[in-house]
C-alpha atoms as a PDB file:
ATOM      1  CA  UNK A   1       3.848 -37.001 -39.346  1.00  0.00           C
ATOM      2  CA  UNK A   2       5.882 -36.861 -42.211  1.00  0.00           C
ATOM      3  CA  UNK A   3       9.497 -36.900 -42.116  1.00  0.00           C
ATOM      4  CA  UNK A   4       9.924 -33.266 -42.850  1.00  0.00           C
ATOM      5  CA  UNK A   5       7.436 -32.540 -40.006  1.00  0.00           C
ATOM      6  CA  UNK A   6       9.027 -34.535 -37.642  1.00  0.00           C
ATOM      7  CA  UNK A   7      12.814 -33.093 -38.655  1.00  0.00           C
ATOM      8  CA  UNK A   8      11.187 -29.468 -37.949  1.00  0.00           C
ATOM      9  CA  UNK A   9       9.891 -30.687 -34.489  1.00  0.00           C
ATOM     10  CA  UNK A  10      13.195 -32.068 -33.645  1.00  0.00           C
ATOM     11  CA  UNK A  11      14.795 -29.059 -34.819  1.00  0.00           C
ATOM     12  CA  UNK A  12      12.564 -27.052 -32.560  1.00  0.00           C
ATOM     13  CA  UNK A  13      13.511 -29.213 -29.614  1.00  0.00           C
ATOM     14  CA  UNK A  14      17.121 -28.696 -30.141  1.00  0.00           C
ATOM     15  CA  UNK A  15      16.997 -24.887 -30.094  1.00  0.00           C
ATOM     16  CA  UNK A  16      14.813 -25.322 -26.837  1.00  0.00           C
ATOM     17  CA  UNK A  17      17.194 -27.658 -25.522  1.00  0.00           C
ATOM     18  CA  UNK A  18      19.986 -25.006 -26.458  1.00  0.00           C
ATOM     19  CA  UNK A  19      18.325 -21.848 -25.090  1.00  0.00           C
ATOM     20  CA  UNK A  20      17.601 -23.990 -22.019  1.00  0.00           C
ATOM     21  CA  UNK A  21      21.299 -24.715 -21.515  1.00  0.00           C
ATOM     22  CA  UNK A  22      22.525 -21.229 -22.366  1.00  0.00           C
ATOM     23  CA  UNK A  23      19.924 -19.987 -19.544  1.00  0.00           C
ATOM     24  CA  UNK A  24      21.607 -22.548 -16.781  1.00  0.00           C
ATOM     25  CA  UNK A  25      25.090 -21.241 -18.046  1.00  0.00           C
ATOM     26  CA  UNK A  26      24.010 -17.466 -17.645  1.00  0.00           C
ATOM     27  CA  UNK A  27      22.693 -18.341 -13.991  1.00  0.00           C
ATOM     28  CA  UNK A  28      25.456 -20.138 -13.063  1.00  0.00           C
ATOM     29  CA  UNK A  29      27.860 -16.950 -13.888  1.00  0.00           C
ATOM     30  CA  UNK A  30      25.214 -14.694 -12.236  1.00  0.00           C
ATOM     31  CA  UNK A  31      25.241 -16.656  -9.076  1.00  0.00           C
ATOM     32  CA  UNK A  32      29.081 -16.951  -9.110  1.00  0.00           C
ATOM     33  CA  UNK A  33      29.262 -12.995  -9.485  1.00  0.00           C
ATOM     34  CA  UNK A  34      26.179 -12.504  -6.562  1.00  0.00           C
ATOM     35  CA  UNK A  35      28.447 -14.617  -4.420  1.00  0.00           C
ATOM     36  CA  UNK A  36      31.512 -13.064  -5.257  1.00  0.00           C
ATOM     37  CA  UNK A  37      30.184  -9.594  -4.644  1.00  0.00           C
ATOM     38  CA  UNK A  38      28.450 -10.104  -1.660  1.00  0.00           C
ATOM     39  CA  UNK A  39      29.602  -8.644   1.761  1.00  0.00           C
ATOM     40  CA  UNK A  40      28.068 -11.191   3.975  1.00  0.00           C
ATOM     41  CA  UNK A  41      28.438 -14.668   2.757  1.00  0.00           C
ATOM     42  CA  UNK A  42      27.942 -16.080   6.027  1.00  0.00           C
ATOM     43  CA  UNK A  43      24.386 -14.561   6.001  1.00  0.00           C
ATOM     44  CA  UNK A  44      24.188 -16.073   2.318  1.00  0.00           C
ATOM     45  CA  UNK A  45      24.820 -19.237   3.298  1.00  0.00           C
ATOM     46  CA  UNK A  46      22.518 -19.196   5.865  1.00  0.00           C
ATOM     47  CA  UNK A  47      19.788 -18.207   3.385  1.00  0.00           C
ATOM     48  CA  UNK A  48      20.834 -21.057   1.087  1.00  0.00           C
ATOM     49  CA  UNK A  49      20.596 -23.578   3.864  1.00  0.00           C
ATOM     50  CA  UNK A  50      17.387 -22.606   5.361  1.00  0.00           C
ATOM     51  CA  UNK A  51      16.073 -22.989   1.530  1.00  0.00           C
ATOM     52  CA  UNK A  52      17.635 -26.597   1.192  1.00  0.00           C
ATOM     53  CA  UNK A  53      15.716 -27.485   4.641  1.00  0.00           C
ATOM     54  CA  UNK A  54      12.343 -25.895   3.593  1.00  0.00           C
ATOM     55  CA  UNK A  55      12.451 -28.153   0.065  1.00  0.00           C
ATOM     56  CA  UNK A  56      13.652 -31.177   1.661  1.00  0.00           C
ATOM     57  CA  UNK A  57      10.620 -30.606   4.204  1.00  0.00           C
ATOM     58  CA  UNK A  58       8.024 -29.981   1.520  1.00  0.00           C
ATOM     59  CA  UNK A  59       5.598 -32.867   0.545  1.00  0.00           C
ATOM     60  CA  UNK A  60       4.941 -34.343  -2.957  1.00  0.00           C
ATOM     61  CA  UNK A  61       1.886 -32.512  -3.416  1.00  0.00           C
ATOM     62  CA  UNK A  62       3.517 -28.975  -2.281  1.00  0.00           C
ATOM     63  CA  UNK A  63       6.637 -29.499  -4.796  1.00  0.00           C
ATOM     64  CA  UNK A  64       7.110 -32.168  -7.546  1.00  0.00           C
ATOM     65  CA  UNK A  65       9.785 -34.587  -6.351  1.00  0.00           C
ATOM     66  CA  UNK A  66      11.897 -34.053  -9.422  1.00  0.00           C
ATOM     67  CA  UNK A  67      11.440 -30.283  -9.111  1.00  0.00           C
ATOM     68  CA  UNK A  68      12.556 -30.247  -5.572  1.00  0.00           C
ATOM     69  CA  UNK A  69      15.415 -32.682  -5.690  1.00  0.00           C
ATOM     70  CA  UNK A  70      16.861 -30.581  -8.825  1.00  0.00           C
ATOM     71  CA  UNK A  71      16.497 -27.171  -6.862  1.00  0.00           C
ATOM     72  CA  UNK A  72      17.854 -28.835  -3.802  1.00  0.00           C
ATOM     73  CA  UNK A  73      20.802 -30.067  -5.856  1.00  0.00           C
ATOM     74  CA  UNK A  74      21.437 -26.410  -7.528  1.00  0.00           C
ATOM     75  CA  UNK A  75      21.237 -25.274  -3.763  1.00  0.00           C
ATOM     76  CA  UNK A  76      23.633 -27.671  -2.389  1.00  0.00           C
ATOM     77  CA  UNK A  77      26.013 -26.441  -5.780  1.00  0.00           C
ATOM     78  CA  UNK A  78      25.738 -22.845  -4.519  1.00  0.00           C
ATOM     79  CA  UNK A  79      26.326 -23.930  -0.982  1.00  0.00           C
ATOM     80  CA  UNK A  80      29.302 -25.306  -1.918  1.00  0.00           C
ATOM     81  CA  UNK A  81      30.422 -22.365  -4.052  1.00  0.00           C
ATOM     82  CA  UNK A  82      29.895 -19.652  -0.948  1.00  0.00           C
ATOM     83  CA  UNK A  83      31.970 -21.984   0.990  1.00  0.00           C
ATOM     84  CA  UNK A  84      34.495 -22.126  -1.722  1.00  0.00           C
ATOM     85  CA  UNK A  85      34.442 -18.477  -1.786  1.00  0.00           C
ATOM     86  CA  UNK A  86      34.775 -17.988   1.897  1.00  0.00           C
ATOM     87  CA  UNK A  87      37.675 -20.260   2.055  1.00  0.00           C
ATOM     88  CA  UNK A  88      39.190 -17.822  -0.986  1.00  0.00           C
ATOM     89  CA  UNK A  89      38.664 -14.990   1.067  1.00  0.00           C
ATOM     90  CA  UNK A  90      40.277 -16.212   3.943  1.00  0.00           C
ATOM     91  CA  UNK A  91      43.389 -17.661   2.231  1.00  0.00           C
ATOM     92  CA  UNK A  92      43.709 -14.030   0.531  1.00  0.00           C
ATOM     93  CA  UNK A  93      43.267 -11.955   3.903  1.00  0.00           C
ATOM     94  CA  UNK A  94      45.675 -14.658   5.305  1.00  0.00           C
ATOM     95  CA  UNK A  95      48.228 -13.843   2.465  1.00  0.00           C
ATOM     96  CA  UNK A  96      47.524 -10.078   2.928  1.00  0.00           C
ATOM     97  CA  UNK A  97      48.310  -9.929   6.743  1.00  0.00           C
ATOM     98  CA  UNK A  98      51.634 -12.148   6.068  1.00  0.00           C
ATOM     99  CA  UNK A  99      52.502  -9.678   3.289  1.00  0.00           C
ATOM    100  CA  UNK A 100      51.774  -6.678   6.129  1.00  0.00           C
ATOM    101  CA  UNK A 101      53.927  -8.646   8.741  1.00  0.00           C
ATOM    102  CA  UNK A 102      56.594  -8.973   6.375  1.00  0.00           C
ATOM    103  CA  UNK A 103      56.744  -5.518   5.085  1.00  0.00           C
ATOM    104  CA  UNK A 104      56.696  -4.002   8.656  1.00  0.00           C
ATOM    105  CA  UNK A 105      59.736  -6.612   9.339  1.00  0.00           C
ATOM    106  CA  UNK A 106      61.598  -5.176   6.543  1.00  0.00           C
ATOM    107  CA  UNK A 107      60.841  -1.623   7.370  1.00  0.00           C
ATOM    108  CA  UNK A 108      62.398  -2.541  11.052  1.00  0.00           C
ATOM    109  CA  UNK A 109      65.440  -4.064   9.484  1.00  0.00           C
ATOM    110  CA  UNK A 110      66.010  -0.923   7.309  1.00  0.00           C
ATOM    111  CA  UNK A 111      65.589   1.534  10.372  1.00  0.00           C
ATOM    112  CA  UNK A 112      68.211  -0.813  12.496  1.00  0.00           C
ATOM    113  CA  UNK A 113      70.739  -0.027   9.912  1.00  0.00           C
END
């Protein structure tokens, strides 16, 4: 291969890598959107955990080791994101309840005056 052919090939590789990185980022944002908008994160968590267990149980002939390992890692990240979303929802619910109780308390104090 000539230097210009090598340079052209490397440029193609760079373009492919950039496209894969952009796709990965888009998938991450999509995943966050699905988790954030899903009404039943507990069910979503069960599905992700079942997928993790299924992949961990696959033999190497059913799923290449590198692909299975990378997929399990991504699913573990999704599991972490779901747990974080659940925690955030719980904290928001608790804050809303505290605010509601405070408003009731204020209303009661104003009626006593």
